[in-house]
Structures are given as structure tokens and as C-alpha cells.
Amino acid sequence: MPFCQPGTARAPVRAASDANKVCESQNDCMYGCVYQGPPKPTGAGVKGQCRPTSQIEGCYSMVEKGRLAGNICMK
């Protein structure tokens, strides 16, 4: 489904070729590396997964250098 960011044209949601691959940093993935699991404190060591699509809406726990870098929510 398409999504819309304020001030931008509609863009289609694209599937990632590396969807759900294990990752340690944002650069490991096409659309970013996120943690999905039980809550952990920022800085905790975690294994991430590559995001499956380019969709940006929602909340994500970002992974950088094998550690939880923090959470971000986007509309």
C-alpha cells in the first residue's frame, strides 16, 4: 500500500531483498536494522533484523553496532 509523508509525493512501499536477515547495523540492510523482541534498555547488546519494506510509518527499535540505539516513531 502507498504511504504519504507530509510535504512529499506518494511513493509506493517497496519490498526489501534482504528482509528479515540478521543484522548488526543500519548499513547492513536496504531499509534499516531493527530489533524485535522483549523490551531492553538502550545500549543493550541485541541481534537485529532487516526491515522487510520501505514503509516508514510505525515505531522501531534501531540497532547500531550490535546494540540497541534507541526507539523512533514516525507517522
PDB file of N, CA and C in Angstrom:
ATOM      1  N   MET A   1       0.835  -1.181   0.000  1.00  0.00           N
ATOM      2  CA  MET A   1       0.000   0.000   0.000  1.00  0.00           C
ATOM      3  C   MET A   1       0.876   1.239   0.000  1.00  0.00           C
ATOM      4  N   PRO A   2       0.461   2.274  -0.677  1.00  0.00           N
ATOM      5  CA  PRO A   2       1.252   3.511  -0.668  1.00  0.00           C
ATOM      6  C   PRO A   2       1.170   4.211   0.681  1.00  0.00           C
ATOM      7  N   PHE A   3       2.156   5.017   0.963  1.00  0.00           N
ATOM      8  CA  PHE A   3       2.137   5.835   2.169  1.00  0.00           C
ATOM      9  C   PHE A   3       2.445   7.258   1.758  1.00  0.00           C
ATOM     10  N   CYS A   4       2.173   8.183   2.649  1.00  0.00           N
ATOM     11  CA  CYS A   4       2.410   9.583   2.335  1.00  0.00           C
ATOM     12  C   CYS A   4       3.120  10.249   3.500  1.00  0.00           C
ATOM     13  N   GLN A   5       4.201  10.925   3.219  1.00  0.00           N
ATOM     14  CA  GLN A   5       4.895  11.712   4.220  1.00  0.00           C
ATOM     15  C   GLN A   5       4.476  13.163   4.010  1.00  0.00           C
ATOM     16  N   PRO A   6       4.301  13.920   5.091  1.00  0.00           N
ATOM     17  CA  PRO A   6       3.925  15.325   4.923  1.00  0.00           C
ATOM     18  C   PRO A   6       4.924  16.044   4.022  1.00  0.00           C
ATOM     19  N   GLY A   7       4.403  16.767   3.062  1.00  0.00           N
ATOM     20  CA  GLY A   7       5.257  17.564   2.189  1.00  0.00           C
ATOM     21  C   GLY A   7       5.923  16.788   1.068  1.00  0.00           C
ATOM     22  N   THR A   8       5.567  15.514   0.877  1.00  0.00           N
ATOM     23  CA  THR A   8       6.167  14.733  -0.197  1.00  0.00           C
ATOM     24  C   THR A   8       5.080  14.093  -1.042  1.00  0.00           C
ATOM     25  N   ALA A   9       5.455  13.677  -2.209  1.00  0.00           N
ATOM     26  CA  ALA A   9       4.523  12.966  -3.082  1.00  0.00           C
ATOM     27  C   ALA A   9       4.368  11.530  -2.580  1.00  0.00           C
ATOM     28  N   ARG A  10       3.305  10.893  -2.981  1.00  0.00           N
ATOM     29  CA  ARG A  10       3.101   9.492  -2.604  1.00  0.00           C
ATOM     30  C   ARG A  10       4.170   8.628  -3.265  1.00  0.00           C
ATOM     31  N   ALA A  11       4.620   7.674  -2.516  1.00  0.00           N
ATOM     32  CA  ALA A  11       5.618   6.745  -3.043  1.00  0.00           C
ATOM     33  C   ALA A  11       5.170   5.332  -2.708  1.00  0.00           C
ATOM     34  N   PRO A  12       5.400   4.385  -3.590  1.00  0.00           N
ATOM     35  CA  PRO A  12       4.989   3.017  -3.297  1.00  0.00           C
ATOM     36  C   PRO A  12       5.876   2.386  -2.223  1.00  0.00           C
ATOM     37  N   VAL A  13       5.293   1.507  -1.450  1.00  0.00           N
ATOM     38  CA  VAL A  13       6.064   0.742  -0.467  1.00  0.00           C
ATOM     39  C   VAL A  13       6.770  -0.358  -1.243  1.00  0.00           C
ATOM     40  N   ARG A  14       8.061  -0.473  -1.038  1.00  0.00           N
ATOM     41  CA  ARG A  14       8.861  -1.464  -1.765  1.00  0.00           C
ATOM     42  C   ARG A  14       9.344  -2.556  -0.811  1.00  0.00           C
ATOM     43  N   ALA A  15       9.373  -3.777  -1.312  1.00  0.00           N
ATOM     44  CA  ALA A  15       9.882  -4.906  -0.531  1.00  0.00           C
ATOM     45  C   ALA A  15      11.401  -4.890  -0.550  1.00  0.00           C
ATOM     46  N   ALA A  16      12.002  -5.312   0.548  1.00  0.00           N
ATOM     47  CA  ALA A  16      13.462  -5.380   0.647  1.00  0.00           C
ATOM     48  C   ALA A  16      13.943  -6.769   0.248  1.00  0.00           C
ATOM     49  N   SER A  17      15.003  -6.821  -0.525  1.00  0.00           N
ATOM     50  CA  SER A  17      15.563  -8.111  -0.931  1.00  0.00           C
ATOM     51  C   SER A  17      16.244  -8.809   0.246  1.00  0.00           C
ATOM     52  N   ASP A  18      16.589  -8.062   1.288  1.00  0.00           N
ATOM     53  CA  ASP A  18      17.256  -8.635   2.463  1.00  0.00           C
ATOM     54  C   ASP A  18      16.326  -8.723   3.680  1.00  0.00           C
ATOM     55  N   ALA A  19      15.029  -8.731   3.448  1.00  0.00           N
ATOM     56  CA  ALA A  19      14.030  -8.746   4.530  1.00  0.00           C
ATOM     57  C   ALA A  19      14.308  -9.840   5.554  1.00  0.00           C
ATOM     58  N   ASN A  20      14.286  -9.453   6.828  1.00  0.00           N
ATOM     59  CA  ASN A  20      14.429 -10.358   7.968  1.00  0.00           C
ATOM     60  C   ASN A  20      15.810 -10.989   8.129  1.00  0.00           C
ATOM     61  N   LYS A  21      16.786 -10.566   7.343  1.00  0.00           N
ATOM     62  CA  LYS A  21      18.164 -11.042   7.510  1.00  0.00           C
ATOM     63  C   LYS A  21      18.698 -10.535   8.850  1.00  0.00           C
ATOM     64  N   VAL A  22      19.509 -11.329   9.527  1.00  0.00           N
ATOM     65  CA  VAL A  22      20.119 -10.903  10.787  1.00  0.00           C
ATOM     66  C   VAL A  22      21.119  -9.789  10.470  1.00  0.00           C
ATOM     67  N   CYS A  23      21.114  -8.738  11.300  1.00  0.00           N
ATOM     68  CA  CYS A  23      21.981  -7.585  11.051  1.00  0.00           C
ATOM     69  C   CYS A  23      22.515  -7.024  12.363  1.00  0.00           C
ATOM     70  N   GLU A  24      23.553  -6.188  12.239  1.00  0.00           N
ATOM     71  CA  GLU A  24      24.139  -5.538  13.412  1.00  0.00           C
ATOM     72  C   GLU A  24      24.110  -4.020  13.327  1.00  0.00           C
ATOM     73  N   SER A  25      23.919  -3.459  12.113  1.00  0.00           N
ATOM     74  CA  SER A  25      23.935  -2.005  11.932  1.00  0.00           C
ATOM     75  C   SER A  25      23.025  -1.603  10.782  1.00  0.00           C
ATOM     76  N   GLN A  26      22.672  -0.320  10.743  1.00  0.00           N
ATOM     77  CA  GLN A  26      21.795   0.205   9.703  1.00  0.00           C
ATOM     78  C   GLN A  26      22.343  -0.051   8.297  1.00  0.00           C
ATOM     79  N   ASN A  27      23.634   0.037   8.130  1.00  0.00           N
ATOM     80  CA  ASN A  27      24.243  -0.145   6.810  1.00  0.00           C
ATOM     81  C   ASN A  27      24.194  -1.586   6.316  1.00  0.00           C
ATOM     82  N   ASP A  28      23.833  -2.524   7.178  1.00  0.00           N
ATOM     83  CA  ASP A  28      23.741  -3.926   6.783  1.00  0.00           C
ATOM     84  C   ASP A  28      22.485  -4.211   5.973  1.00  0.00           C
ATOM     85  N   CYS A  29      21.538  -3.279   5.962  1.00  0.00           N
ATOM     86  CA  CYS A  29      20.221  -3.530   5.377  1.00  0.00           C
ATOM     87  C   CYS A  29      19.797  -2.439   4.405  1.00  0.00           C
ATOM     88  N   MET A  30      18.958  -2.841   3.488  1.00  0.00           N
ATOM     89  CA  MET A  30      18.400  -1.931   2.497  1.00  0.00           C
ATOM     90  C   MET A  30      17.571  -0.818   3.148  1.00  0.00           C
ATOM     91  N   TYR A  31      16.718  -1.180   4.118  1.00  0.00           N
ATOM     92  CA  TYR A  31      15.826  -0.203   4.749  1.00  0.00           C
ATOM     93  C   TYR A  31      16.021  -0.085   6.258  1.00  0.00           C
ATOM     94  N   GLY A  32      17.155  -0.511   6.774  1.00  0.00           N
ATOM     95  CA  GLY A  32      17.458  -0.342   8.185  1.00  0.00           C
ATOM     96  C   GLY A  32      17.387  -1.630   8.987  1.00  0.00           C
ATOM     97  N   CYS A  33      18.096  -1.620  10.100  1.00  0.00           N
ATOM     98  CA  CYS A  33      18.223  -2.759  11.001  1.00  0.00           C
ATOM     99  C   CYS A  33      17.460  -2.449  12.283  1.00  0.00           C
ATOM    100  N   VAL A  34      16.489  -3.298  12.624  1.00  0.00           N
ATOM    101  CA  VAL A  34      15.650  -3.057  13.793  1.00  0.00           C
ATOM    102  C   VAL A  34      15.625  -4.274  14.710  1.00  0.00           C
ATOM    103  N   TYR A  35      15.384  -4.008  15.989  1.00  0.00           N
ATOM    104  CA  TYR A  35      15.252  -5.065  16.990  1.00  0.00           C
ATOM    105  C   TYR A  35      13.777  -5.332  17.200  1.00  0.00           C
ATOM    106  N   GLN A  36      13.407  -6.611  17.231  1.00  0.00           N
ATOM    107  CA  GLN A  36      12.040  -7.002  17.544  1.00  0.00           C
ATOM    108  C   GLN A  36      12.118  -8.086  18.604  1.00  0.00           C
ATOM    109  N   GLY A  37      11.712  -7.765  19.796  1.00  0.00           N
ATOM    110  CA  GLY A  37      11.758  -8.717  20.896  1.00  0.00           C
ATOM    111  C   GLY A  37      11.319  -8.054  22.178  1.00  0.00           C
ATOM    112  N   PRO A  38      11.585  -8.723  23.304  1.00  0.00           N
ATOM    113  CA  PRO A  38      11.189  -8.142  24.580  1.00  0.00           C
ATOM    114  C   PRO A  38      11.914  -6.823  24.830  1.00  0.00           C
ATOM    115  N   PRO A  39      11.296  -5.913  25.573  1.00  0.00           N
ATOM    116  CA  PRO A  39      11.923  -4.614  25.838  1.00  0.00           C
ATOM    117  C   PRO A  39      13.312  -4.776  26.464  1.00  0.00           C
ATOM    118  N   LYS A  40      14.235  -3.939  26.000  1.00  0.00           N
ATOM    119  CA  LYS A  40      15.609  -3.910  26.524  1.00  0.00           C
ATOM    120  C   LYS A  40      16.027  -2.453  26.640  1.00  0.00           C
ATOM    121  N   PRO A  41      16.968  -2.162  27.523  1.00  0.00           N
ATOM    122  CA  PRO A  41      17.421  -0.777  27.663  1.00  0.00           C
ATOM    123  C   PRO A  41      18.325  -0.363  26.496  1.00  0.00           C
ATOM    124  N   THR A  42      18.323   0.921  26.194  1.00  0.00           N
ATOM    125  CA  THR A  42      19.220   1.449  25.170  1.00  0.00           C
ATOM    126  C   THR A  42      20.654   1.077  25.528  1.00  0.00           C
ATOM    127  N   GLY A  43      21.396   0.599  24.541  1.00  0.00           N
ATOM    128  CA  GLY A  43      22.775   0.187  24.752  1.00  0.00           C
ATOM    129  C   GLY A  43      22.943  -1.306  24.958  1.00  0.00           C
ATOM    130  N   ALA A  44      21.834  -2.018  25.166  1.00  0.00           N
ATOM    131  CA  ALA A  44      21.908  -3.468  25.361  1.00  0.00           C
ATOM    132  C   ALA A  44      22.340  -4.147  24.065  1.00  0.00           C
ATOM    133  N   GLY A  45      23.108  -5.206  24.170  1.00  0.00           N
ATOM    134  CA  GLY A  45      23.502  -5.984  23.001  1.00  0.00           C
ATOM    135  C   GLY A  45      22.308  -6.751  22.462  1.00  0.00           C
ATOM    136  N   VAL A  46      22.023  -6.605  21.168  1.00  0.00           N
ATOM    137  CA  VAL A  46      20.879  -7.277  20.537  1.00  0.00           C
ATOM    138  C   VAL A  46      21.251  -7.714  19.120  1.00  0.00           C
ATOM    139  N   LYS A  47      20.489  -8.666  18.610  1.00  0.00           N
ATOM    140  CA  LYS A  47      20.581  -9.049  17.201  1.00  0.00           C
ATOM    141  C   LYS A  47      19.400  -8.379  16.512  1.00  0.00           C
ATOM    142  N   GLY A  48      19.678  -7.714  15.404  1.00  0.00           N
ATOM    143  CA  GLY A  48      18.620  -7.050  14.668  1.00  0.00           C
ATOM    144  C   GLY A  48      18.163  -7.860  13.476  1.00  0.00           C
ATOM    145  N   GLN A  49      17.119  -7.358  12.837  1.00  0.00           N
ATOM    146  CA  GLN A  49      16.605  -7.928  11.606  1.00  0.00           C
ATOM    147  C   GLN A  49      16.428  -6.802  10.607  1.00  0.00           C
ATOM    148  N   CYS A  50      16.718  -7.084   9.346  1.00  0.00           N
ATOM    149  CA  CYS A  50      16.491  -6.088   8.298  1.00  0.00           C
ATOM    150  C   CYS A  50      14.990  -5.879   8.131  1.00  0.00           C
ATOM    151  N   ARG A  51      14.600  -4.606   8.016  1.00  0.00           N
ATOM    152  CA  ARG A  51      13.190  -4.281   7.807  1.00  0.00           C
ATOM    153  C   ARG A  51      12.722  -4.870   6.480  1.00  0.00           C
ATOM    154  N   PRO A  52      11.487  -5.388   6.430  1.00  0.00           N
ATOM    155  CA  PRO A  52      11.011  -6.053   5.221  1.00  0.00           C
ATOM    156  C   PRO A  52      10.552  -5.132   4.096  1.00  0.00           C
ATOM    157  N   THR A  53      10.218  -3.864   4.432  1.00  0.00           N
ATOM    158  CA  THR A  53       9.743  -2.940   3.398  1.00  0.00           C
ATOM    159  C   THR A  53      10.271  -1.534   3.646  1.00  0.00           C
ATOM    160  N   SER A  54       9.996  -0.660   2.703  1.00  0.00           N
ATOM    161  CA  SER A  54      10.385   0.747   2.820  1.00  0.00           C
ATOM    162  C   SER A  54       9.373   1.562   3.622  1.00  0.00           C
ATOM    163  N   GLN A  55       8.280   0.948   4.050  1.00  0.00           N
ATOM    164  CA  GLN A  55       7.259   1.677   4.807  1.00  0.00           C
ATOM    165  C   GLN A  55       7.875   2.285   6.056  1.00  0.00           C
ATOM    166  N   ILE A  56       7.629   3.569   6.284  1.00  0.00           N
ATOM    167  CA  ILE A  56       8.254   4.236   7.421  1.00  0.00           C
ATOM    168  C   ILE A  56       7.309   4.463   8.589  1.00  0.00           C
ATOM    169  N   GLU A  57       6.020   4.281   8.397  1.00  0.00           N
ATOM    170  CA  GLU A  57       5.075   4.503   9.485  1.00  0.00           C
ATOM    171  C   GLU A  57       5.246   3.443  10.558  1.00  0.00           C
ATOM    172  N   GLY A  58       5.191   3.866  11.812  1.00  0.00           N
ATOM    173  CA  GLY A  58       5.272   2.931  12.920  1.00  0.00           C
ATOM    174  C   GLY A  58       6.417   3.265  13.858  1.00  0.00           C
ATOM    175  N   CYS A  59       6.609   2.414  14.845  1.00  0.00           N
ATOM    176  CA  CYS A  59       7.682   2.595  15.824  1.00  0.00           C
ATOM    177  C   CYS A  59       8.708   1.486  15.651  1.00  0.00           C
ATOM    178  N   TYR A  60       9.969   1.849  15.754  1.00  0.00           N
ATOM    179  CA  TYR A  60      11.061   0.908  15.524  1.00  0.00           C
ATOM    180  C   TYR A  60      12.128   1.068  16.600  1.00  0.00           C
ATOM    181  N   SER A  61      12.762  -0.045  16.956  1.00  0.00           N
ATOM    182  CA  SER A  61      13.913  -0.057  17.855  1.00  0.00           C
ATOM    183  C   SER A  61      15.144  -0.236  16.968  1.00  0.00           C
ATOM    184  N   MET A  62      15.906   0.814  16.804  1.00  0.00           N
ATOM    185  CA  MET A  62      17.029   0.820  15.878  1.00  0.00           C
ATOM    186  C   MET A  62      18.250   0.120  16.474  1.00  0.00           C
ATOM    187  N   VAL A  63      18.987  -0.622  15.631  1.00  0.00           N
ATOM    188  CA  VAL A  63      20.181  -1.344  16.050  1.00  0.00           C
ATOM    189  C   VAL A  63      21.392  -0.738  15.347  1.00  0.00           C
ATOM    190  N   GLU A  64      22.438  -0.483  16.106  1.00  0.00           N
ATOM    191  CA  GLU A  64      23.696   0.039  15.558  1.00  0.00           C
ATOM    192  C   GLU A  64      24.852  -0.614  16.302  1.00  0.00           C
ATOM    193  N   LYS A  65      25.779  -1.185  15.548  1.00  0.00           N
ATOM    194  CA  LYS A  65      26.961  -1.866  16.112  1.00  0.00           C
ATOM    195  C   LYS A  65      26.568  -2.944  17.121  1.00  0.00           C
ATOM    196  N   GLY A  66      25.484  -3.674  16.808  1.00  0.00           N
ATOM    197  CA  GLY A  66      25.052  -4.775  17.655  1.00  0.00           C
ATOM    198  C   GLY A  66      24.414  -4.361  18.968  1.00  0.00           C
ATOM    199  N   ARG A  67      24.055  -3.086  19.086  1.00  0.00           N
ATOM    200  CA  ARG A  67      23.450  -2.574  20.324  1.00  0.00           C
ATOM    201  C   ARG A  67      22.163  -1.816  20.002  1.00  0.00           C
ATOM    202  N   LEU A  68      21.264  -1.828  20.947  1.00  0.00           N
ATOM    203  CA  LEU A  68      20.013  -1.086  20.784  1.00  0.00           C
ATOM    204  C   LEU A  68      20.340   0.404  20.851  1.00  0.00           C
ATOM    205  N   ALA A  69      20.081   1.103  19.757  1.00  0.00           N
ATOM    206  CA  ALA A  69      20.449   2.524  19.658  1.00  0.00           C
ATOM    207  C   ALA A  69      19.335   3.455  20.129  1.00  0.00           C
ATOM    208  N   GLY A  70      18.137   2.934  20.291  1.00  0.00           N
ATOM    209  CA  GLY A  70      17.015   3.759  20.717  1.00  0.00           C
ATOM    210  C   GLY A  70      15.801   3.487  19.859  1.00  0.00           C
ATOM    211  N   ASN A  71      14.704   4.106  20.224  1.00  0.00           N
ATOM    212  CA  ASN A  71      13.438   3.903  19.519  1.00  0.00           C
ATOM    213  C   ASN A  71      13.074   5.149  18.733  1.00  0.00           C
ATOM    214  N   ILE A  72      12.377   4.925  17.628  1.00  0.00           N
ATOM    215  CA  ILE A  72      11.908   6.042  16.823  1.00  0.00           C
ATOM    216  C   ILE A  72      10.502   5.705  16.325  1.00  0.00           C
ATOM    217  N   CYS A  73       9.617   6.691  16.359  1.00  0.00           N
ATOM    218  CA  CYS A  73       8.255   6.528  15.855  1.00  0.00           C
ATOM    219  C   CYS A  73       8.029   7.567  14.767  1.00  0.00           C
ATOM    220  N   MET A  74       7.441   7.123  13.662  1.00  0.00           N
ATOM    221  CA  MET A  74       7.204   8.006  12.523  1.00  0.00           C
ATOM    222  C   MET A  74       5.781   7.822  12.016  1.00  0.00           C
ATOM    223  N   LYS A  75       5.188   8.926  11.591  1.00  0.00           N
ATOM    224  CA  LYS A  75       3.838   8.902  11.009  1.00  0.00           C
ATOM    225  C   LYS A  75       3.941   8.985   9.518  1.00  0.00           C
TER     226      LYS A  75
END
